[in-house]
């Protein structure tokens, strides 16, 4: 169960990365406000850090 959780959490972080990259591309094209992009990147970073912490904390479970 923990291994499945970790796999899903890794998928979440990868998907956040890919979506952020796509949004950066849109921002470069002028389709997204730079301030909005910065907020999204900050939120994505916070989610990723929380996910890594969760993986670390649950790695001690058996």
C-alpha atoms as a PDB file:
ATOM      1  CA  UNK A   1       0.000   0.000   0.000  1.00  0.00           C
ATOM      2  CA  UNK A   2       2.817   2.410   0.865  1.00  0.00           C
ATOM      3  CA  UNK A   3       4.598   1.584  -2.392  1.00  0.00           C
ATOM      4  CA  UNK A   4       1.427   2.390  -4.333  1.00  0.00           C
ATOM      5  CA  UNK A   5       1.071   5.668  -2.431  1.00  0.00           C
ATOM      6  CA  UNK A   6       4.663   6.592  -3.239  1.00  0.00           C
ATOM      7  CA  UNK A   7       4.160   5.754  -6.891  1.00  0.00           C
ATOM      8  CA  UNK A   8       1.049   7.930  -7.036  1.00  0.00           C
ATOM      9  CA  UNK A   9       2.805  10.787  -5.253  1.00  0.00           C
ATOM     10  CA  UNK A  10       5.720  10.590  -7.686  1.00  0.00           C
ATOM     11  CA  UNK A  11       3.204  10.767 -10.536  1.00  0.00           C
ATOM     12  CA  UNK A  12       1.650  13.862  -8.962  1.00  0.00           C
ATOM     13  CA  UNK A  13       5.002  15.643  -8.805  1.00  0.00           C
ATOM     14  CA  UNK A  14       5.820  14.700 -12.397  1.00  0.00           C
ATOM     15  CA  UNK A  15       2.439  15.907 -13.617  1.00  0.00           C
ATOM     16  CA  UNK A  16       2.807  19.189 -11.732  1.00  0.00           C
ATOM     17  CA  UNK A  17       6.185  19.667 -13.406  1.00  0.00           C
ATOM     18  CA  UNK A  18       4.789  18.991 -16.883  1.00  0.00           C
ATOM     19  CA  UNK A  19       1.762  21.245 -16.415  1.00  0.00           C
ATOM     20  CA  UNK A  20       3.960  24.041 -15.104  1.00  0.00           C
ATOM     21  CA  UNK A  21       6.228  23.717 -18.145  1.00  0.00           C
ATOM     22  CA  UNK A  22       3.221  23.906 -20.468  1.00  0.00           C
ATOM     23  CA  UNK A  23       1.950  26.966 -18.647  1.00  0.00           C
ATOM     24  CA  UNK A  24       5.375  28.608 -18.874  1.00  0.00           C
ATOM     25  CA  UNK A  25       5.212  28.063 -22.613  1.00  0.00           C
ATOM     26  CA  UNK A  26       1.814  29.774 -22.711  1.00  0.00           C
ATOM     27  CA  UNK A  27       3.174  32.623 -20.593  1.00  0.00           C
ATOM     28  CA  UNK A  28       6.042  33.062 -23.042  1.00  0.00           C
ATOM     29  CA  UNK A  29       3.470  33.318 -25.837  1.00  0.00           C
ATOM     30  CA  UNK A  30       1.671  36.049 -23.894  1.00  0.00           C
ATOM     31  CA  UNK A  31      -1.351  33.887 -23.076  1.00  0.00           C
ATOM     32  CA  UNK A  32      -0.818  34.058 -19.313  1.00  0.00           C
ATOM     33  CA  UNK A  33      -0.005  36.962 -17.027  1.00  0.00           C
ATOM     34  CA  UNK A  34       3.500  36.749 -15.509  1.00  0.00           C
ATOM     35  CA  UNK A  35       2.074  37.387 -12.028  1.00  0.00           C
ATOM     36  CA  UNK A  36      -0.365  34.518 -12.428  1.00  0.00           C
ATOM     37  CA  UNK A  37       2.432  32.285 -13.630  1.00  0.00           C
ATOM     38  CA  UNK A  38       4.559  33.164 -10.613  1.00  0.00           C
ATOM     39  CA  UNK A  39       1.659  32.327  -8.267  1.00  0.00           C
ATOM     40  CA  UNK A  40       1.119  28.998 -10.012  1.00  0.00           C
ATOM     41  CA  UNK A  41       4.814  28.156  -9.809  1.00  0.00           C
ATOM     42  CA  UNK A  42       4.882  28.995  -6.091  1.00  0.00           C
ATOM     43  CA  UNK A  43       1.815  26.834  -5.455  1.00  0.00           C
ATOM     44  CA  UNK A  44       3.292  23.982  -7.504  1.00  0.00           C
ATOM     45  CA  UNK A  45       6.519  24.199  -5.524  1.00  0.00           C
ATOM     46  CA  UNK A  46       4.628  24.113  -2.212  1.00  0.00           C
ATOM     47  CA  UNK A  47       2.652  21.051  -3.326  1.00  0.00           C
ATOM     48  CA  UNK A  48       5.829  19.322  -4.472  1.00  0.00           C
ATOM     49  CA  UNK A  49       7.617  20.008  -1.178  1.00  0.00           C
ATOM     50  CA  UNK A  50       4.620  18.695   0.776  1.00  0.00           C
ATOM     51  CA  UNK A  51       4.544  15.600  -1.437  1.00  0.00           C
ATOM     52  CA  UNK A  52       8.238  14.902  -0.867  1.00  0.00           C
ATOM     53  CA  UNK A  53       7.722  15.276   2.885  1.00  0.00           C
ATOM     54  CA  UNK A  54       4.801  12.867   2.745  1.00  0.00           C
ATOM     55  CA  UNK A  55       6.894  10.336   0.835  1.00  0.00           C
ATOM     56  CA  UNK A  56       9.677  10.675   3.395  1.00  0.00           C
ATOM     57  CA  UNK A  57       7.367  10.357   6.396  1.00  0.00           C
ATOM     58  CA  UNK A  58       5.471   7.372   4.993  1.00  0.00           C
ATOM     59  CA  UNK A  59       8.669   5.591   3.947  1.00  0.00           C
ATOM     60  CA  UNK A  60       9.056   4.671   7.616  1.00  0.00           C
ATOM     61  CA  UNK A  61       5.743   2.784   7.567  1.00  0.00           C
ATOM     62  CA  UNK A  62       5.623  -0.910   6.838  1.00  0.00           C
END
